[in-house]
Amino acid sequence: MMYGRETWIGPDGLLMVRPRARGPVLSVRGLFLLLLTLMLGKAALYAHLGPVAYGERVTELEAGGPVERAGAWAMHPGLATQEIASVIAPYLP
């Protein structure tokens, strides 16, 4: 009953209590906010390093093991990353 309980009166007048069903651990809104945060972080890194240095680091990741290659795939600068980086670049040191 850690997540709450539901209480109702049965047809025989007996008070019934059962644990409340647990919802999903990560909601759609939470997943969207997580992906948005990761995309903004990637764009900020791209804007801070510049396209050449960012590309070199992604190339280094592509030469690594399976985990590094997966990271390189995720960090590959797409069109959205480049557009967001061009917008936030003037605000970065």
PDB file of N, CA and C in Angstrom:
ATOM      1  N   MET A   1       0.823  -1.188   0.000  1.00  0.00           N
ATOM      2  CA  MET A   1       0.000   0.000   0.000  1.00  0.00           C
ATOM      3  C   MET A   1       0.869   1.255   0.000  1.00  0.00           C
ATOM      4  N   MET A   2       2.074   1.083  -0.478  1.00  0.00           N
ATOM      5  CA  MET A   2       3.036   2.166  -0.512  1.00  0.00           C
ATOM      6  C   MET A   2       2.604   3.295  -1.453  1.00  0.00           C
ATOM      7  N   TYR A   3       1.903   2.978  -2.524  1.00  0.00           N
ATOM      8  CA  TYR A   3       1.507   3.962  -3.524  1.00  0.00           C
ATOM      9  C   TYR A   3       0.055   4.407  -3.352  1.00  0.00           C
ATOM     10  N   GLY A   4      -0.518   4.123  -2.239  1.00  0.00           N
ATOM     11  CA  GLY A   4      -1.892   4.524  -1.967  1.00  0.00           C
ATOM     12  C   GLY A   4      -2.812   3.318  -1.977  1.00  0.00           C
ATOM     13  N   ARG A   5      -4.059   3.590  -1.712  1.00  0.00           N
ATOM     14  CA  ARG A   5      -5.017   2.494  -1.673  1.00  0.00           C
ATOM     15  C   ARG A   5      -6.366   2.979  -2.190  1.00  0.00           C
ATOM     16  N   GLU A   6      -7.168   2.025  -2.622  1.00  0.00           N
ATOM     17  CA  GLU A   6      -8.524   2.298  -3.061  1.00  0.00           C
ATOM     18  C   GLU A   6      -9.459   1.628  -2.071  1.00  0.00           C
ATOM     19  N   THR A   7     -10.447   2.363  -1.666  1.00  0.00           N
ATOM     20  CA  THR A   7     -11.397   1.840  -0.687  1.00  0.00           C
ATOM     21  C   THR A   7     -12.797   1.946  -1.266  1.00  0.00           C
ATOM     22  N   TRP A   8     -13.608   0.896  -1.107  1.00  0.00           N
ATOM     23  CA  TRP A   8     -14.990   0.929  -1.543  1.00  0.00           C
ATOM     24  C   TRP A   8     -15.800  -0.021  -0.686  1.00  0.00           C
ATOM     25  N   ILE A   9     -17.101   0.149  -0.766  1.00  0.00           N
ATOM     26  CA  ILE A   9     -17.999  -0.714  -0.010  1.00  0.00           C
ATOM     27  C   ILE A   9     -18.594  -1.712  -0.992  1.00  0.00           C
ATOM     28  N   GLY A  10     -18.433  -2.999  -0.683  1.00  0.00           N
ATOM     29  CA  GLY A  10     -18.928  -4.059  -1.542  1.00  0.00           C
ATOM     30  C   GLY A  10     -20.444  -4.170  -1.465  1.00  0.00           C
ATOM     31  N   PRO A  11     -21.026  -5.013  -2.318  1.00  0.00           N
ATOM     32  CA  PRO A  11     -22.491  -5.166  -2.337  1.00  0.00           C
ATOM     33  C   PRO A  11     -23.044  -5.744  -1.034  1.00  0.00           C
ATOM     34  N   ASP A  12     -22.194  -6.423  -0.268  1.00  0.00           N
ATOM     35  CA  ASP A  12     -22.645  -6.982   1.002  1.00  0.00           C
ATOM     36  C   ASP A  12     -22.423  -6.022   2.171  1.00  0.00           C
ATOM     37  N   GLY A  13     -21.920  -4.787   1.876  1.00  0.00           N
ATOM     38  CA  GLY A  13     -21.714  -3.795   2.923  1.00  0.00           C
ATOM     39  C   GLY A  13     -20.335  -3.868   3.560  1.00  0.00           C
ATOM     40  N   LEU A  14     -19.499  -4.784   3.103  1.00  0.00           N
ATOM     41  CA  LEU A  14     -18.164  -4.940   3.664  1.00  0.00           C
ATOM     42  C   LEU A  14     -17.230  -3.892   3.056  1.00  0.00           C
ATOM     43  N   LEU A  15     -16.419  -3.269   3.900  1.00  0.00           N
ATOM     44  CA  LEU A  15     -15.457  -2.266   3.444  1.00  0.00           C
ATOM     45  C   LEU A  15     -14.256  -2.990   2.829  1.00  0.00           C
ATOM     46  N   MET A  16     -13.950  -2.684   1.550  1.00  0.00           N
ATOM     47  CA  MET A  16     -12.880  -3.360   0.827  1.00  0.00           C
ATOM     48  C   MET A  16     -11.747  -2.367   0.583  1.00  0.00           C
ATOM     49  N   VAL A  17     -10.495  -2.827   0.752  1.00  0.00           N
ATOM     50  CA  VAL A  17      -9.307  -2.009   0.514  1.00  0.00           C
ATOM     51  C   VAL A  17      -8.335  -2.829  -0.326  1.00  0.00           C
ATOM     52  N   ARG A  18      -7.788  -2.192  -1.363  1.00  0.00           N
ATOM     53  CA  ARG A  18      -6.766  -2.862  -2.167  1.00  0.00           C
ATOM     54  C   ARG A  18      -5.728  -1.820  -2.572  1.00  0.00           C
ATOM     55  N   PRO A  19      -4.503  -2.261  -2.858  1.00  0.00           N
ATOM     56  CA  PRO A  19      -3.463  -1.308  -3.262  1.00  0.00           C
ATOM     57  C   PRO A  19      -3.832  -0.636  -4.581  1.00  0.00           C
ATOM     58  N   ARG A  20      -3.471   0.641  -4.694  1.00  0.00           N
ATOM     59  CA  ARG A  20      -3.711   1.385  -5.927  1.00  0.00           C
ATOM     60  C   ARG A  20      -2.725   0.902  -6.983  1.00  0.00           C
ATOM     61  N   ALA A  21      -3.210   0.739  -8.193  1.00  0.00           N
ATOM     62  CA  ALA A  21      -2.351   0.307  -9.295  1.00  0.00           C
ATOM     63  C   ALA A  21      -1.341   1.399  -9.601  1.00  0.00           C
ATOM     64  N   ARG A  22      -0.120   0.981  -9.810  1.00  0.00           N
ATOM     65  CA  ARG A  22       0.955   1.925 -10.110  1.00  0.00           C
ATOM     66  C   ARG A  22       0.940   2.285 -11.576  1.00  0.00           C
ATOM     67  N   GLY A  23       1.104   3.558 -11.875  1.00  0.00           N
ATOM     68  CA  GLY A  23       1.144   4.032 -13.255  1.00  0.00           C
ATOM     69  C   GLY A  23       2.513   3.807 -13.862  1.00  0.00           C
ATOM     70  N   PRO A  24       2.687   4.257 -15.093  1.00  0.00           N
ATOM     71  CA  PRO A  24       3.996   4.092 -15.735  1.00  0.00           C
ATOM     72  C   PRO A  24       5.075   4.888 -14.997  1.00  0.00           C
ATOM     73  N   VAL A  25       6.287   4.363 -14.995  1.00  0.00           N
ATOM     74  CA  VAL A  25       7.392   5.007 -14.295  1.00  0.00           C
ATOM     75  C   VAL A  25       7.794   6.306 -14.996  1.00  0.00           C
ATOM     76  N   LEU A  26       7.797   6.309 -16.330  1.00  0.00           N
ATOM     77  CA  LEU A  26       8.168   7.489 -17.103  1.00  0.00           C
ATOM     78  C   LEU A  26       7.008   7.845 -18.023  1.00  0.00           C
ATOM     79  N   SER A  27       6.430   9.005 -17.831  1.00  0.00           N
ATOM     80  CA  SER A  27       5.295   9.415 -18.642  1.00  0.00           C
ATOM     81  C   SER A  27       5.758   9.905 -20.010  1.00  0.00           C
ATOM     82  N   VAL A  28       4.818  10.119 -20.894  1.00  0.00           N
ATOM     83  CA  VAL A  28       5.134  10.628 -22.226  1.00  0.00           C
ATOM     84  C   VAL A  28       5.721  12.030 -22.105  1.00  0.00           C
ATOM     85  N   ARG A  29       5.164  12.829 -21.216  1.00  0.00           N
ATOM     86  CA  ARG A  29       5.684  14.183 -21.007  1.00  0.00           C
ATOM     87  C   ARG A  29       7.116  14.139 -20.475  1.00  0.00           C
ATOM     88  N   GLY A  30       7.378  13.245 -19.542  1.00  0.00           N
ATOM     89  CA  GLY A  30       8.727  13.099 -19.005  1.00  0.00           C
ATOM     90  C   GLY A  30       9.713  12.652 -20.066  1.00  0.00           C
ATOM     91  N   LEU A  31       9.306  11.730 -20.913  1.00  0.00           N
ATOM     92  CA  LEU A  31      10.174  11.263 -21.999  1.00  0.00           C
ATOM     93  C   LEU A  31      10.457  12.399 -22.982  1.00  0.00           C
ATOM     94  N   PHE A  32       9.427  13.186 -23.309  1.00  0.00           N
ATOM     95  CA  PHE A  32       9.608  14.326 -24.205  1.00  0.00           C
ATOM     96  C   PHE A  32      10.573  15.339 -23.607  1.00  0.00           C
ATOM     97  N   LEU A  33      10.423  15.656 -22.329  1.00  0.00           N
ATOM     98  CA  LEU A  33      11.320  16.618 -21.679  1.00  0.00           C
ATOM     99  C   LEU A  33      12.748  16.099 -21.610  1.00  0.00           C
ATOM    100  N   LEU A  34      12.914  14.805 -21.399  1.00  0.00           N
ATOM    101  CA  LEU A  34      14.244  14.207 -21.388  1.00  0.00           C
ATOM    102  C   LEU A  34      14.916  14.336 -22.757  1.00  0.00           C
ATOM    103  N   LEU A  35      14.186  13.993 -23.814  1.00  0.00           N
ATOM    104  CA  LEU A  35      14.749  14.095 -25.166  1.00  0.00           C
ATOM    105  C   LEU A  35      15.031  15.544 -25.545  1.00  0.00           C
ATOM    106  N   LEU A  36      14.166  16.465 -25.147  1.00  0.00           N
ATOM    107  CA  LEU A  36      14.390  17.881 -25.430  1.00  0.00           C
ATOM    108  C   LEU A  36      15.640  18.387 -24.718  1.00  0.00           C
ATOM    109  N   THR A  37      15.823  17.980 -23.471  1.00  0.00           N
ATOM    110  CA  THR A  37      17.004  18.380 -22.712  1.00  0.00           C
ATOM    111  C   THR A  37      18.285  17.830 -23.351  1.00  0.00           C
ATOM    112  N   LEU A  38      18.255  16.579 -23.763  1.00  0.00           N
ATOM    113  CA  LEU A  38      19.424  15.988 -24.417  1.00  0.00           C
ATOM    114  C   LEU A  38      19.730  16.675 -25.749  1.00  0.00           C
ATOM    115  N   MET A  39      18.695  17.029 -26.503  1.00  0.00           N
ATOM    116  CA  MET A  39      18.913  17.724 -27.777  1.00  0.00           C
ATOM    117  C   MET A  39      19.494  19.112 -27.553  1.00  0.00           C
ATOM    118  N   LEU A  40      19.006  19.831 -26.546  1.00  0.00           N
ATOM    119  CA  LEU A  40      19.553  21.152 -26.251  1.00  0.00           C
ATOM    120  C   LEU A  40      20.999  21.064 -25.758  1.00  0.00           C
ATOM    121  N   GLY A  41      21.306  20.051 -24.971  1.00  0.00           N
ATOM    122  CA  GLY A  41      22.675  19.856 -24.515  1.00  0.00           C
ATOM    123  C   GLY A  41      23.618  19.545 -25.665  1.00  0.00           C
ATOM    124  N   LYS A  42      23.158  18.719 -26.584  1.00  0.00           N
ATOM    125  CA  LYS A  42      23.958  18.386 -27.767  1.00  0.00           C
ATOM    126  C   LYS A  42      24.189  19.628 -28.625  1.00  0.00           C
ATOM    127  N   ALA A  43      23.148  20.434 -28.796  1.00  0.00           N
ATOM    128  CA  ALA A  43      23.288  21.663 -29.594  1.00  0.00           C
ATOM    129  C   ALA A  43      24.205  22.665 -28.903  1.00  0.00           C
ATOM    130  N   ALA A  44      24.130  22.753 -27.581  1.00  0.00           N
ATOM    131  CA  ALA A  44      25.010  23.667 -26.849  1.00  0.00           C
ATOM    132  C   ALA A  44      26.462  23.225 -26.975  1.00  0.00           C
ATOM    133  N   LEU A  45      26.705  21.928 -26.908  1.00  0.00           N
ATOM    134  CA  LEU A  45      28.059  21.413 -27.083  1.00  0.00           C
ATOM    135  C   LEU A  45      28.565  21.698 -28.497  1.00  0.00           C
ATOM    136  N   TYR A  46      27.716  21.529 -29.488  1.00  0.00           N
ATOM    137  CA  TYR A  46      28.077  21.809 -30.885  1.00  0.00           C
ATOM    138  C   TYR A  46      28.396  23.292 -31.059  1.00  0.00           C
ATOM    139  N   ALA A  47      27.582  24.163 -30.457  1.00  0.00           N
ATOM    140  CA  ALA A  47      27.807  25.605 -30.587  1.00  0.00           C
ATOM    141  C   ALA A  47      29.077  26.031 -29.842  1.00  0.00           C
ATOM    142  N   HIS A  48      29.350  25.425 -28.707  1.00  0.00           N
ATOM    143  CA  HIS A  48      30.522  25.794 -27.913  1.00  0.00           C
ATOM    144  C   HIS A  48      31.829  25.338 -28.570  1.00  0.00           C
ATOM    145  N   LEU A  49      31.851  24.094 -29.063  1.00  0.00           N
ATOM    146  CA  LEU A  49      33.077  23.552 -29.659  1.00  0.00           C
ATOM    147  C   LEU A  49      33.300  24.027 -31.093  1.00  0.00           C
ATOM    148  N   GLY A  50      32.226  24.261 -31.806  1.00  0.00           N
ATOM    149  CA  GLY A  50      32.351  24.589 -33.227  1.00  0.00           C
ATOM    150  C   GLY A  50      32.246  23.321 -34.052  1.00  0.00           C
ATOM    151  N   PRO A  51      31.904  23.459 -35.323  1.00  0.00           N
ATOM    152  CA  PRO A  51      31.673  22.270 -36.140  1.00  0.00           C
ATOM    153  C   PRO A  51      32.913  21.401 -36.352  1.00  0.00           C
ATOM    154  N   VAL A  52      34.077  21.994 -36.450  1.00  0.00           N
ATOM    155  CA  VAL A  52      35.289  21.214 -36.726  1.00  0.00           C
ATOM    156  C   VAL A  52      35.685  20.367 -35.517  1.00  0.00           C
ATOM    157  N   ALA A  53      35.796  20.993 -34.359  1.00  0.00           N
ATOM    158  CA  ALA A  53      36.189  20.266 -33.145  1.00  0.00           C
ATOM    159  C   ALA A  53      35.125  19.234 -32.760  1.00  0.00           C
ATOM    160  N   TYR A  54      33.855  19.576 -32.931  1.00  0.00           N
ATOM    161  CA  TYR A  54      32.774  18.638 -32.619  1.00  0.00           C
ATOM    162  C   TYR A  54      32.862  17.419 -33.544  1.00  0.00           C
ATOM    163  N   GLY A  55      33.087  17.680 -34.828  1.00  0.00           N
ATOM    164  CA  GLY A  55      33.221  16.581 -35.782  1.00  0.00           C
ATOM    165  C   GLY A  55      34.402  15.679 -35.476  1.00  0.00           C
ATOM    166  N   GLU A  56      35.517  16.267 -35.026  1.00  0.00           N
ATOM    167  CA  GLU A  56      36.684  15.463 -34.649  1.00  0.00           C
ATOM    168  C   GLU A  56      36.364  14.552 -33.476  1.00  0.00           C
ATOM    169  N   ARG A  57      35.641  15.082 -32.511  1.00  0.00           N
ATOM    170  CA  ARG A  57      35.304  14.260 -31.336  1.00  0.00           C
ATOM    171  C   ARG A  57      34.337  13.138 -31.692  1.00  0.00           C
ATOM    172  N   VAL A  58      33.398  13.417 -32.582  1.00  0.00           N
ATOM    173  CA  VAL A  58      32.482  12.361 -33.021  1.00  0.00           C
ATOM    174  C   VAL A  58      33.251  11.301 -33.810  1.00  0.00           C
ATOM    175  N   THR A  59      34.213  11.718 -34.608  1.00  0.00           N
ATOM    176  CA  THR A  59      35.047  10.776 -35.363  1.00  0.00           C
ATOM    177  C   THR A  59      35.852   9.886 -34.416  1.00  0.00           C
ATOM    178  N   GLU A  60      36.360  10.467 -33.330  1.00  0.00           N
ATOM    179  CA  GLU A  60      37.080   9.664 -32.329  1.00  0.00           C
ATOM    180  C   GLU A  60      36.159   8.618 -31.713  1.00  0.00           C
ATOM    181  N   LEU A  61      34.907   9.001 -31.468  1.00  0.00           N
ATOM    182  CA  LEU A  61      33.959   8.041 -30.904  1.00  0.00           C
ATOM    183  C   LEU A  61      33.653   6.915 -31.888  1.00  0.00           C
ATOM    184  N   GLU A  62      33.583   7.235 -33.178  1.00  0.00           N
ATOM    185  CA  GLU A  62      33.292   6.209 -34.189  1.00  0.00           C
ATOM    186  C   GLU A  62      34.380   5.153 -34.264  1.00  0.00           C
ATOM    187  N   ALA A  63      35.596   5.490 -33.853  1.00  0.00           N
ATOM    188  CA  ALA A  63      36.712   4.547 -33.906  1.00  0.00           C
ATOM    189  C   ALA A  63      36.754   3.633 -32.686  1.00  0.00           C
ATOM    190  N   GLY A  64      35.891   3.866 -31.706  1.00  0.00           N
ATOM    191  CA  GLY A  64      35.922   3.089 -30.470  1.00  0.00           C
ATOM    192  C   GLY A  64      35.126   1.802 -30.561  1.00  0.00           C
ATOM    193  N   GLY A  65      34.783   1.289 -29.396  1.00  0.00           N
ATOM    194  CA  GLY A  65      34.030   0.047 -29.295  1.00  0.00           C
ATOM    195  C   GLY A  65      32.554   0.256 -29.593  1.00  0.00           C
ATOM    196  N   PRO A  66      31.750  -0.759 -29.319  1.00  0.00           N
ATOM    197  CA  PRO A  66      30.319  -0.675 -29.642  1.00  0.00           C
ATOM    198  C   PRO A  66      29.586   0.443 -28.892  1.00  0.00           C
ATOM    199  N   VAL A  67      29.943   0.667 -27.657  1.00  0.00           N
ATOM    200  CA  VAL A  67      29.280   1.725 -26.888  1.00  0.00           C
ATOM    201  C   VAL A  67      29.645   3.094 -27.439  1.00  0.00           C
ATOM    202  N   GLU A  68      30.921   3.277 -27.770  1.00  0.00           N
ATOM    203  CA  GLU A  68      31.365   4.544 -28.338  1.00  0.00           C
ATOM    204  C   GLU A  68      30.732   4.787 -29.704  1.00  0.00           C
ATOM    205  N   ARG A  69      30.602   3.740 -30.509  1.00  0.00           N
ATOM    206  CA  ARG A  69      29.960   3.893 -31.822  1.00  0.00           C
ATOM    207  C   ARG A  69      28.487   4.273 -31.677  1.00  0.00           C
ATOM    208  N   ALA A  70      27.820   3.704 -30.671  1.00  0.00           N
ATOM    209  CA  ALA A  70      26.425   4.086 -30.415  1.00  0.00           C
ATOM    210  C   ALA A  70      26.349   5.543 -29.975  1.00  0.00           C
ATOM    211  N   GLY A  71      27.300   5.973 -29.152  1.00  0.00           N
ATOM    212  CA  GLY A  71      27.354   7.374 -28.743  1.00  0.00           C
ATOM    213  C   GLY A  71      27.636   8.288 -29.918  1.00  0.00           C
ATOM    214  N   ALA A  72      28.509   7.855 -30.835  1.00  0.00           N
ATOM    215  CA  ALA A  72      28.812   8.658 -32.022  1.00  0.00           C
ATOM    216  C   ALA A  72      27.575   8.789 -32.902  1.00  0.00           C
ATOM    217  N   TRP A  73      26.815   7.712 -33.008  1.00  0.00           N
ATOM    218  CA  TRP A  73      25.579   7.774 -33.790  1.00  0.00           C
ATOM    219  C   TRP A  73      24.598   8.773 -33.167  1.00  0.00           C
ATOM    220  N   ALA A  74      24.469   8.738 -31.849  1.00  0.00           N
ATOM    221  CA  ALA A  74      23.547   9.650 -31.158  1.00  0.00           C
ATOM    222  C   ALA A  74      24.028  11.098 -31.224  1.00  0.00           C
ATOM    223  N   MET A  75      25.346  11.300 -31.212  1.00  0.00           N
ATOM    224  CA  MET A  75      25.895  12.655 -31.184  1.00  0.00           C
ATOM    225  C   MET A  75      26.165  13.221 -32.575  1.00  0.00           C
ATOM    226  N   HIS A  76      25.873  12.468 -33.623  1.00  0.00           N
ATOM    227  CA  HIS A  76      26.092  12.970 -34.981  1.00  0.00           C
ATOM    228  C   HIS A  76      25.276  14.247 -35.167  1.00  0.00           C
ATOM    229  N   PRO A  77      25.909  15.333 -35.648  1.00  0.00           N
ATOM    230  CA  PRO A  77      25.184  16.602 -35.758  1.00  0.00           C
ATOM    231  C   PRO A  77      24.212  16.601 -36.936  1.00  0.00           C
ATOM    232  N   GLY A  78      22.943  16.549 -36.614  1.00  0.00           N
ATOM    233  CA  GLY A  78      21.924  16.614 -37.654  1.00  0.00           C
ATOM    234  C   GLY A  78      21.539  18.052 -37.943  1.00  0.00           C
ATOM    235  N   LEU A  79      20.591  18.206 -38.824  1.00  0.00           N
ATOM    236  CA  LEU A  79      20.134  19.540 -39.213  1.00  0.00           C
ATOM    237  C   LEU A  79      19.514  20.279 -38.029  1.00  0.00           C
ATOM    238  N   ALA A  80      18.723  19.559 -37.218  1.00  0.00           N
ATOM    239  CA  ALA A  80      18.102  20.203 -36.062  1.00  0.00           C
ATOM    240  C   ALA A  80      19.150  20.694 -35.072  1.00  0.00           C
ATOM    241  N   THR A  81      20.186  19.891 -34.849  1.00  0.00           N
ATOM    242  CA  THR A  81      21.265  20.291 -33.939  1.00  0.00           C
ATOM    243  C   THR A  81      21.955  21.543 -34.446  1.00  0.00           C
ATOM    244  N   GLN A  82      22.233  21.594 -35.724  1.00  0.00           N
ATOM    245  CA  GLN A  82      22.921  22.745 -36.299  1.00  0.00           C
ATOM    246  C   GLN A  82      22.056  24.002 -36.230  1.00  0.00           C
ATOM    247  N   GLU A  83      20.759  23.864 -36.467  1.00  0.00           N
ATOM    248  CA  GLU A  83      19.862  25.023 -36.405  1.00  0.00           C
ATOM    249  C   GLU A  83      19.730  25.546 -34.979  1.00  0.00           C
ATOM    250  N   ILE A  84      19.557  24.645 -34.021  1.00  0.00           N
ATOM    251  CA  ILE A  84      19.444  25.063 -32.627  1.00  0.00           C
ATOM    252  C   ILE A  84      20.749  25.703 -32.165  1.00  0.00           C
ATOM    253  N   ALA A  85      21.878  25.130 -32.580  1.00  0.00           N
ATOM    254  CA  ALA A  85      23.186  25.677 -32.203  1.00  0.00           C
ATOM    255  C   ALA A  85      23.382  27.075 -32.771  1.00  0.00           C
ATOM    256  N   SER A  86      22.900  27.329 -33.983  1.00  0.00           N
ATOM    257  CA  SER A  86      23.048  28.664 -34.557  1.00  0.00           C
ATOM    258  C   SER A  86      22.213  29.691 -33.808  1.00  0.00           C
ATOM    259  N   VAL A  87      21.121  29.250 -33.201  1.00  0.00           N
ATOM    260  CA  VAL A  87      20.268  30.161 -32.434  1.00  0.00           C
ATOM    261  C   VAL A  87      20.886  30.473 -31.067  1.00  0.00           C
ATOM    262  N   ILE A  88      21.434  29.438 -30.403  1.00  0.00           N
ATOM    263  CA  ILE A  88      21.933  29.652 -29.039  1.00  0.00           C
ATOM    264  C   ILE A  88      23.409  30.055 -28.978  1.00  0.00           C
ATOM    265  N   ALA A  89      24.129  29.993 -30.089  1.00  0.00           N
ATOM    266  CA  ALA A  89      25.557  30.323 -30.101  1.00  0.00           C
ATOM    267  C   ALA A  89      25.863  31.737 -29.593  1.00  0.00           C
ATOM    268  N   PRO A  90      25.085  32.757 -29.939  1.00  0.00           N
ATOM    269  CA  PRO A  90      25.417  34.098 -29.431  1.00  0.00           C
ATOM    270  C   PRO A  90      25.309  34.231 -27.912  1.00  0.00           C
ATOM    271  N   TYR A  91      24.584  33.338 -27.265  1.00  0.00           N
ATOM    272  CA  TYR A  91      24.392  33.411 -25.825  1.00  0.00           C
ATOM    273  C   TYR A  91      25.422  32.622 -25.033  1.00  0.00           C
ATOM    274  N   LEU A  92      26.278  31.878 -25.729  1.00  0.00           N
ATOM    275  CA  LEU A  92      27.305  31.076 -25.053  1.00  0.00           C
ATOM    276  C   LEU A  92      28.614  31.836 -24.999  1.00  0.00           C
ATOM    277  N   PRO A  93      29.426  31.597 -23.949  1.00  0.00           N
ATOM    278  CA  PRO A  93      30.720  32.288 -23.847  1.00  0.00           C
ATOM    279  C   PRO A  93      31.721  31.798 -24.872  1.00  0.00           C
TER     280      PRO A  93
END
